[in-house]
Amino acid sequence: MTTNNDMAQATYAIGRRYEMGDGVPMDIDTAARFYRQAALRGLPDAQHALGFLHATGQGVPRDNEMAVAWLQSAAEGGHAEAQHNLGVMYAEGRGVAVDYEEAVRWFYRAAINGCSHAQEWLESQAMEEVIAGD
């Protein structure tokens, strides 16, 4: 018996193949459709991928508010890259009002979950504070 999660994983995997051109012609539009199906089934990997596509305008119209919504879902599901990307959206005010404290919270969660980009961002902010304090 196939579970909802199994179906979401399989659908996401097909989307990845289309995004990467792995065994099929590269087709971001098709990848986005498969990601959406898997994202609606609650798969954080697919929610992150779809949010990223909305943020960059690949395969779907660029829509920062939609990007934030999908990244938020993935981030709340524990997806470290989504947590990092959501932090970027808050830091830059893309799809949301600039909120430095919220950005730091998401970067911190991402760093705890092993995202090296978030760790680097936090370190750079700490270094800027040290330099500014001199």
C-alpha atoms as a PDB file:
ATOM      1  CA  MET A   1       0.000   0.000   0.000  1.00  0.00           C
ATOM      2  CA  THR A   2       1.372   3.395  -0.998  1.00  0.00           C
ATOM      3  CA  THR A   3       1.277   6.111   1.633  1.00  0.00           C
ATOM      4  CA  ASN A   4       0.769   9.816   1.034  1.00  0.00           C
ATOM      5  CA  ASN A   5       4.430  10.401   1.960  1.00  0.00           C
ATOM      6  CA  ASP A   6       5.613   7.734  -0.503  1.00  0.00           C
ATOM      7  CA  MET A   7       3.571   9.366  -3.252  1.00  0.00           C
ATOM      8  CA  ALA A   8       4.916  12.797  -2.336  1.00  0.00           C
ATOM      9  CA  GLN A   9       8.507  11.495  -2.353  1.00  0.00           C
ATOM     10  CA  ALA A  10       8.034   9.845  -5.750  1.00  0.00           C
ATOM     11  CA  THR A  11       6.414  12.955  -7.216  1.00  0.00           C
ATOM     12  CA  TYR A  12       9.216  15.141  -5.842  1.00  0.00           C
ATOM     13  CA  ALA A  13      11.838  12.780  -7.298  1.00  0.00           C
ATOM     14  CA  ILE A  14      10.263  13.099 -10.745  1.00  0.00           C
ATOM     15  CA  GLY A  15      10.332  16.878 -10.377  1.00  0.00           C
ATOM     16  CA  ARG A  16      14.047  16.767  -9.479  1.00  0.00           C
ATOM     17  CA  ARG A  17      14.768  14.707 -12.574  1.00  0.00           C
ATOM     18  CA  TYR A  18      13.055  17.310 -14.756  1.00  0.00           C
ATOM     19  CA  GLU A  19      14.818  20.171 -12.985  1.00  0.00           C
ATOM     20  CA  MET A  20      18.229  18.546 -13.410  1.00  0.00           C
ATOM     21  CA  GLY A  21      17.637  16.913 -16.809  1.00  0.00           C
ATOM     22  CA  ASP A  22      18.397  13.519 -15.281  1.00  0.00           C
ATOM     23  CA  GLY A  23      17.203  10.909 -17.784  1.00  0.00           C
ATOM     24  CA  VAL A  24      14.611  13.325 -19.185  1.00  0.00           C
ATOM     25  CA  PRO A  25      14.925  16.632 -21.028  1.00  0.00           C
ATOM     26  CA  MET A  26      15.483  19.508 -18.592  1.00  0.00           C
ATOM     27  CA  ASP A  27      12.133  21.253 -18.141  1.00  0.00           C
ATOM     28  CA  ILE A  28      11.722  23.613 -15.188  1.00  0.00           C
ATOM     29  CA  ASP A  29       8.018  24.185 -15.936  1.00  0.00           C
ATOM     30  CA  THR A  30       7.345  20.453 -15.620  1.00  0.00           C
ATOM     31  CA  ALA A  31       9.555  20.244 -12.527  1.00  0.00           C
ATOM     32  CA  ALA A  32       7.508  23.022 -10.919  1.00  0.00           C
ATOM     33  CA  ARG A  33       4.265  21.136 -11.585  1.00  0.00           C
ATOM     34  CA  PHE A  34       5.608  17.982  -9.924  1.00  0.00           C
ATOM     35  CA  TYR A  35       7.017  19.991  -7.012  1.00  0.00           C
ATOM     36  CA  ARG A  36       3.633  21.621  -6.496  1.00  0.00           C
ATOM     37  CA  GLN A  37       1.899  18.230  -6.341  1.00  0.00           C
ATOM     38  CA  ALA A  38       4.398  16.961  -3.763  1.00  0.00           C
ATOM     39  CA  ALA A  39       4.352  20.262  -1.833  1.00  0.00           C
ATOM     40  CA  LEU A  40       0.582  20.095  -1.501  1.00  0.00           C
ATOM     41  CA  ARG A  41       1.065  16.644   0.054  1.00  0.00           C
ATOM     42  CA  GLY A  42       3.209  18.299   2.737  1.00  0.00           C
ATOM     43  CA  LEU A  43       6.713  17.281   1.641  1.00  0.00           C
ATOM     44  CA  PRO A  44       9.233  19.864   2.948  1.00  0.00           C
ATOM     45  CA  ASP A  45      11.765  19.164   0.156  1.00  0.00           C
ATOM     46  CA  ALA A  46       9.122  19.958  -2.456  1.00  0.00           C
ATOM     47  CA  GLN A  47       7.857  22.985  -0.542  1.00  0.00           C
ATOM     48  CA  HIS A  48      11.407  24.343  -0.444  1.00  0.00           C
ATOM     49  CA  ALA A  49      11.985  23.650  -4.137  1.00  0.00           C
ATOM     50  CA  LEU A  50       8.723  25.325  -5.121  1.00  0.00           C
ATOM     51  CA  GLY A  51       9.433  28.299  -2.861  1.00  0.00           C
ATOM     52  CA  PHE A  52      12.867  28.694  -4.425  1.00  0.00           C
ATOM     53  CA  LEU A  53      11.382  28.580  -7.932  1.00  0.00           C
ATOM     54  CA  HIS A  54       8.870  31.288  -6.984  1.00  0.00           C
ATOM     55  CA  ALA A  55      11.674  33.417  -5.502  1.00  0.00           C
ATOM     56  CA  THR A  56      13.739  33.135  -8.686  1.00  0.00           C
ATOM     57  CA  GLY A  57      10.916  33.064 -11.237  1.00  0.00           C
ATOM     58  CA  GLN A  58      12.004  29.750 -12.721  1.00  0.00           C
ATOM     59  CA  GLY A  59       9.196  27.596 -14.099  1.00  0.00           C
ATOM     60  CA  VAL A  60       6.603  29.746 -12.329  1.00  0.00           C
ATOM     61  CA  PRO A  61       5.982  33.483 -12.174  1.00  0.00           C
ATOM     62  CA  ARG A  62       8.294  35.300  -9.762  1.00  0.00           C
ATOM     63  CA  ASP A  63       6.209  35.838  -6.636  1.00  0.00           C
ATOM     64  CA  ASN A  64       8.062  36.595  -3.425  1.00  0.00           C
ATOM     65  CA  GLU A  65       4.945  36.333  -1.254  1.00  0.00           C
ATOM     66  CA  MET A  66       4.245  32.848  -2.620  1.00  0.00           C
ATOM     67  CA  ALA A  67       7.922  31.998  -2.160  1.00  0.00           C
ATOM     68  CA  VAL A  68       7.733  33.018   1.499  1.00  0.00           C
ATOM     69  CA  ALA A  69       4.582  30.935   2.023  1.00  0.00           C
ATOM     70  CA  TRP A  70       6.182  27.767   0.619  1.00  0.00           C
ATOM     71  CA  LEU A  71       9.520  28.401   2.333  1.00  0.00           C
ATOM     72  CA  GLN A  72       7.683  28.959   5.637  1.00  0.00           C
ATOM     73  CA  SER A  73       5.911  25.601   5.288  1.00  0.00           C
ATOM     74  CA  ALA A  74       9.178  23.817   4.550  1.00  0.00           C
ATOM     75  CA  ALA A  75      11.057  25.691   7.281  1.00  0.00           C
ATOM     76  CA  GLU A  76       8.436  24.784   9.872  1.00  0.00           C
ATOM     77  CA  GLY A  77       8.872  21.179   8.714  1.00  0.00           C
ATOM     78  CA  GLY A  78      12.544  21.384   9.719  1.00  0.00           C
ATOM     79  CA  HIS A  79      14.066  21.896   6.251  1.00  0.00           C
ATOM     80  CA  ALA A  80      17.413  23.636   6.934  1.00  0.00           C
ATOM     81  CA  GLU A  81      17.862  25.191   3.475  1.00  0.00           C
ATOM     82  CA  ALA A  82      14.313  26.536   3.597  1.00  0.00           C
ATOM     83  CA  GLN A  83      15.040  28.011   7.022  1.00  0.00           C
ATOM     84  CA  HIS A  84      18.105  29.731   5.557  1.00  0.00           C
ATOM     85  CA  ASN A  85      16.250  30.984   2.486  1.00  0.00           C
ATOM     86  CA  LEU A  86      13.396  32.252   4.644  1.00  0.00           C
ATOM     87  CA  GLY A  87      15.972  34.139   6.700  1.00  0.00           C
ATOM     88  CA  VAL A  88      17.235  35.735   3.483  1.00  0.00           C
ATOM     89  CA  MET A  89      13.700  36.784   2.547  1.00  0.00           C
ATOM     90  CA  TYR A  90      13.229  38.482   5.942  1.00  0.00           C
ATOM     91  CA  ALA A  91      16.680  40.085   5.865  1.00  0.00           C
ATOM     92  CA  GLU A  92      16.097  41.499   2.375  1.00  0.00           C
ATOM     93  CA  GLY A  93      12.382  42.263   2.718  1.00  0.00           C
ATOM     94  CA  ARG A  94      11.402  40.045  -0.182  1.00  0.00           C
ATOM     95  CA  GLY A  95       7.728  39.078   0.084  1.00  0.00           C
ATOM     96  CA  VAL A  96       7.665  40.289   3.692  1.00  0.00           C
ATOM     97  CA  ALA A  97       8.614  43.457   5.532  1.00  0.00           C
ATOM     98  CA  VAL A  98      12.285  43.614   6.492  1.00  0.00           C
ATOM     99  CA  ASP A  99      12.530  41.984   9.913  1.00  0.00           C
ATOM    100  CA  TYR A 100      16.103  41.491  11.052  1.00  0.00           C
ATOM    101  CA  GLU A 101      15.131  39.683  14.274  1.00  0.00           C
ATOM    102  CA  GLU A 102      12.979  37.182  12.365  1.00  0.00           C
ATOM    103  CA  ALA A 103      15.806  36.710   9.864  1.00  0.00           C
ATOM    104  CA  VAL A 104      18.256  35.936  12.664  1.00  0.00           C
ATOM    105  CA  ARG A 105      15.804  33.442  14.205  1.00  0.00           C
ATOM    106  CA  TRP A 106      15.519  31.553  10.902  1.00  0.00           C
ATOM    107  CA  PHE A 107      19.280  31.677  10.233  1.00  0.00           C
ATOM    108  CA  TYR A 108      19.874  30.354  13.751  1.00  0.00           C
ATOM    109  CA  ARG A 109      17.448  27.434  13.238  1.00  0.00           C
ATOM    110  CA  ALA A 110      19.074  26.670   9.892  1.00  0.00           C
ATOM    111  CA  ALA A 111      22.539  26.743  11.446  1.00  0.00           C
ATOM    112  CA  ILE A 112      21.462  24.382  14.225  1.00  0.00           C
ATOM    113  CA  ASN A 113      20.132  22.042  11.528  1.00  0.00           C
ATOM    114  CA  GLY A 114      23.512  22.032   9.773  1.00  0.00           C
ATOM    115  CA  CYS A 115      23.132  24.664   7.054  1.00  0.00           C
ATOM    116  CA  SER A 116      26.643  26.026   6.483  1.00  0.00           C
ATOM    117  CA  HIS A 117      25.339  29.098   4.611  1.00  0.00           C
ATOM    118  CA  ALA A 118      23.349  30.115   7.679  1.00  0.00           C
ATOM    119  CA  GLN A 119      26.342  29.513   9.946  1.00  0.00           C
ATOM    120  CA  GLU A 120      28.472  31.724   7.680  1.00  0.00           C
ATOM    121  CA  TRP A 121      25.809  34.465   7.672  1.00  0.00           C
ATOM    122  CA  LEU A 122      25.581  34.463  11.463  1.00  0.00           C
ATOM    123  CA  GLU A 123      29.380  34.565  11.771  1.00  0.00           C
ATOM    124  CA  SER A 124      29.586  37.483   9.329  1.00  0.00           C
ATOM    125  CA  GLN A 125      26.950  39.402  11.308  1.00  0.00           C
ATOM    126  CA  ALA A 126      28.823  38.771  14.546  1.00  0.00           C
ATOM    127  CA  MET A 127      32.060  39.966  12.903  1.00  0.00           C
ATOM    128  CA  GLU A 128      30.333  43.127  11.651  1.00  0.00           C
ATOM    129  CA  GLU A 129      29.124  43.842  15.192  1.00  0.00           C
ATOM    130  CA  VAL A 130      32.652  43.370  16.562  1.00  0.00           C
ATOM    131  CA  ILE A 131      34.118  45.687  13.916  1.00  0.00           C
ATOM    132  CA  ALA A 132      31.389  48.282  14.460  1.00  0.00           C
ATOM    133  CA  GLY A 133      32.061  48.168  18.199  1.00  0.00           C
ATOM    134  CA  ASP A 134      35.707  49.193  17.782  1.00  0.00           C
END
